[in-house]
Amino acid sequence: MENIENINRGSKIIILKSENTYSADVETFIPQGVCSTMINFAVEDGKLVYVDFTGGCPGNLKAISALITDMPVQEIVGKLKGITCGNKSTSCADQLCKALDGYMK
């Protein structure tokens, strides 16, 4: 099980959207046991405002990112935690949940 040491804190991102502008710190998480090699994300006011996966299945991860952006972190974790991929005991979505759990602690 990963822990908070897998999160690199410090970068800053400005997120411009049609109705909102966010200024949030970008966290970097190195997932384990999946095809994705890095997950960058930002949380503001308890909501995931930015997520980007490096590697993995591009179409699926873009779709997941679009669906969960602006969603409360606890709701994301409630829906995606424990999902597996093929014969692996985890998935990119599950690894994101581990990153979010570590961030929220």
C-alpha atoms as a PDB file:
ATOM      1  CA  MET A   1       0.000   0.000   0.000  1.00  0.00           C
ATOM      2  CA  GLU A   2       1.359   3.408  -0.973  1.00  0.00           C
ATOM      3  CA  ASN A   3       1.624   6.220   1.494  1.00  0.00           C
ATOM      4  CA  ILE A   4       2.098   9.959   1.575  1.00  0.00           C
ATOM      5  CA  GLU A   5       5.790   9.679   0.578  1.00  0.00           C
ATOM      6  CA  ASN A   6       4.642   8.991  -2.989  1.00  0.00           C
ATOM      7  CA  ILE A   7       3.250  12.512  -3.239  1.00  0.00           C
ATOM      8  CA  ASN A   8       5.538  15.330  -4.357  1.00  0.00           C
ATOM      9  CA  ARG A   9       4.226  18.701  -3.253  1.00  0.00           C
ATOM     10  CA  GLY A  10       5.207  22.087  -4.525  1.00  0.00           C
ATOM     11  CA  SER A  11       4.251  22.868  -8.121  1.00  0.00           C
ATOM     12  CA  LYS A  12       1.552  25.432  -8.832  1.00  0.00           C
ATOM     13  CA  ILE A  13      -1.078  25.411 -11.562  1.00  0.00           C
ATOM     14  CA  ILE A  14      -3.546  28.019 -12.692  1.00  0.00           C
ATOM     15  CA  ILE A  15      -6.697  26.421 -14.083  1.00  0.00           C
ATOM     16  CA  LEU A  16      -8.871  28.587 -16.296  1.00  0.00           C
ATOM     17  CA  LYS A  17     -12.403  27.426 -16.998  1.00  0.00           C
ATOM     18  CA  SER A  18     -15.301  29.237 -18.578  1.00  0.00           C
ATOM     19  CA  GLU A  19     -16.964  29.935 -15.230  1.00  0.00           C
ATOM     20  CA  ASN A  20     -14.120  29.422 -12.709  1.00  0.00           C
ATOM     21  CA  THR A  21     -10.439  30.136 -12.237  1.00  0.00           C
ATOM     22  CA  TYR A  22      -8.510  27.992  -9.769  1.00  0.00           C
ATOM     23  CA  SER A  23      -5.063  28.471  -8.334  1.00  0.00           C
ATOM     24  CA  ALA A  24      -4.084  25.166  -6.802  1.00  0.00           C
ATOM     25  CA  ASP A  25      -0.931  23.292  -5.867  1.00  0.00           C
ATOM     26  CA  VAL A  26      -0.257  20.355  -8.172  1.00  0.00           C
ATOM     27  CA  GLU A  27       0.544  17.093  -6.411  1.00  0.00           C
ATOM     28  CA  THR A  28       2.500  14.324  -8.135  1.00  0.00           C
ATOM     29  CA  PHE A  29       1.871  10.679  -7.277  1.00  0.00           C
ATOM     30  CA  ILE A  30       3.861   7.711  -8.589  1.00  0.00           C
ATOM     31  CA  PRO A  31       1.408   4.817  -8.986  1.00  0.00           C
ATOM     32  CA  GLN A  32       2.407   1.201  -8.335  1.00  0.00           C
ATOM     33  CA  GLY A  33       1.377  -1.908 -10.270  1.00  0.00           C
ATOM     34  CA  VAL A  34      -0.320  -0.141 -13.201  1.00  0.00           C
ATOM     35  CA  CYS A  35       0.616   1.070 -16.696  1.00  0.00           C
ATOM     36  CA  SER A  36       0.401   4.745 -15.762  1.00  0.00           C
ATOM     37  CA  THR A  37       3.750   6.053 -14.504  1.00  0.00           C
ATOM     38  CA  MET A  38       2.639   9.334 -12.914  1.00  0.00           C
ATOM     39  CA  ILE A  39      -0.544  11.063 -11.774  1.00  0.00           C
ATOM     40  CA  ASN A  40      -0.618  14.853 -11.354  1.00  0.00           C
ATOM     41  CA  PHE A  41      -3.638  16.302  -9.590  1.00  0.00           C
ATOM     42  CA  ALA A  42      -4.890  19.392  -7.786  1.00  0.00           C
ATOM     43  CA  VAL A  43      -7.582  19.725  -5.135  1.00  0.00           C
ATOM     44  CA  GLU A  44      -9.310  22.939  -4.115  1.00  0.00           C
ATOM     45  CA  ASP A  45     -12.070  23.231  -1.510  1.00  0.00           C
ATOM     46  CA  GLY A  46     -12.380  19.445  -1.327  1.00  0.00           C
ATOM     47  CA  LYS A  47     -12.909  19.054  -5.084  1.00  0.00           C
ATOM     48  CA  LEU A  48     -10.569  17.610  -7.685  1.00  0.00           C
ATOM     49  CA  VAL A  49      -9.942  20.528 -10.046  1.00  0.00           C
ATOM     50  CA  TYR A  50      -7.186  18.993 -12.172  1.00  0.00           C
ATOM     51  CA  VAL A  51      -5.970  15.479 -12.966  1.00  0.00           C
ATOM     52  CA  ASP A  52      -3.533  14.220 -15.582  1.00  0.00           C
ATOM     53  CA  PHE A  53      -2.222  10.681 -16.052  1.00  0.00           C
ATOM     54  CA  THR A  54       1.118   9.908 -17.731  1.00  0.00           C
ATOM     55  CA  GLY A  55       1.027   6.581 -19.542  1.00  0.00           C
ATOM     56  CA  GLY A  56      -1.752   4.051 -19.266  1.00  0.00           C
ATOM     57  CA  CYS A  57      -4.780   3.763 -21.560  1.00  0.00           C
ATOM     58  CA  PRO A  58      -5.135   7.285 -23.016  1.00  0.00           C
ATOM     59  CA  GLY A  59      -8.794   7.179 -24.029  1.00  0.00           C
ATOM     60  CA  ASN A  60     -10.029   5.612 -20.804  1.00  0.00           C
ATOM     61  CA  LEU A  61      -7.952   7.912 -18.602  1.00  0.00           C
ATOM     62  CA  LYS A  62      -9.075  11.021 -20.506  1.00  0.00           C
ATOM     63  CA  ALA A  63     -12.679   9.880 -20.047  1.00  0.00           C
ATOM     64  CA  ILE A  64     -12.198   9.228 -16.324  1.00  0.00           C
ATOM     65  CA  SER A  65     -10.492  12.620 -15.942  1.00  0.00           C
ATOM     66  CA  ALA A  66     -13.365  14.407 -17.687  1.00  0.00           C
ATOM     67  CA  LEU A  67     -15.963  12.644 -15.535  1.00  0.00           C
ATOM     68  CA  ILE A  68     -14.309  13.277 -12.156  1.00  0.00           C
ATOM     69  CA  THR A  69     -12.952  16.818 -12.596  1.00  0.00           C
ATOM     70  CA  ASP A  70     -14.850  19.204 -10.268  1.00  0.00           C
ATOM     71  CA  MET A  71     -16.206  16.242  -8.276  1.00  0.00           C
ATOM     72  CA  PRO A  72     -15.742  16.102  -4.476  1.00  0.00           C
ATOM     73  CA  VAL A  73     -12.723  13.974  -3.552  1.00  0.00           C
ATOM     74  CA  GLN A  74     -14.738  11.802  -1.160  1.00  0.00           C
ATOM     75  CA  GLU A  75     -17.233  10.992  -3.920  1.00  0.00           C
ATOM     76  CA  ILE A  76     -14.422  10.028  -6.304  1.00  0.00           C
ATOM     77  CA  VAL A  77     -12.842   7.743  -3.718  1.00  0.00           C
ATOM     78  CA  GLY A  78     -16.234   6.218  -2.908  1.00  0.00           C
ATOM     79  CA  LYS A  79     -16.838   5.337  -6.559  1.00  0.00           C
ATOM     80  CA  LEU A  80     -13.385   4.336  -7.803  1.00  0.00           C
ATOM     81  CA  LYS A  81     -11.523   2.821  -4.832  1.00  0.00           C
ATOM     82  CA  GLY A  82     -10.839  -0.886  -5.246  1.00  0.00           C
ATOM     83  CA  ILE A  83     -11.397  -1.071  -9.011  1.00  0.00           C
ATOM     84  CA  THR A  84      -9.000  -3.536 -10.642  1.00  0.00           C
ATOM     85  CA  CYS A  85      -7.613  -3.724 -14.180  1.00  0.00           C
ATOM     86  CA  GLY A  86      -7.323  -7.096 -15.884  1.00  0.00           C
ATOM     87  CA  ASN A  87      -5.422  -9.504 -13.649  1.00  0.00           C
ATOM     88  CA  LYS A  88      -3.878  -6.686 -11.582  1.00  0.00           C
ATOM     89  CA  SER A  89      -4.935  -6.091  -7.978  1.00  0.00           C
ATOM     90  CA  THR A  90      -5.306  -2.355  -8.665  1.00  0.00           C
ATOM     91  CA  SER A  91      -6.008   0.094 -11.512  1.00  0.00           C
ATOM     92  CA  CYS A  92      -5.102   3.646 -12.484  1.00  0.00           C
ATOM     93  CA  ALA A  93      -8.397   4.808 -10.942  1.00  0.00           C
ATOM     94  CA  ASP A  94      -7.640   2.906  -7.715  1.00  0.00           C
ATOM     95  CA  GLN A  95      -4.147   4.410  -7.640  1.00  0.00           C
ATOM     96  CA  LEU A  96      -5.659   7.890  -7.988  1.00  0.00           C
ATOM     97  CA  CYS A  97      -7.809   7.085  -4.950  1.00  0.00           C
ATOM     98  CA  LYS A  98      -4.679   6.116  -3.001  1.00  0.00           C
ATOM     99  CA  ALA A  99      -3.131   9.445  -4.006  1.00  0.00           C
ATOM    100  CA  LEU A 100      -6.256  11.368  -2.965  1.00  0.00           C
ATOM    101  CA  ASP A 101      -6.493   9.459   0.337  1.00  0.00           C
ATOM    102  CA  GLY A 102      -2.854  10.309   1.074  1.00  0.00           C
ATOM    103  CA  TYR A 103      -3.394  13.935   0.147  1.00  0.00           C
ATOM    104  CA  MET A 104      -6.481  14.321   2.335  1.00  0.00           C
ATOM    105  CA  LYS A 105      -4.697  12.950   5.449  1.00  0.00           C
END
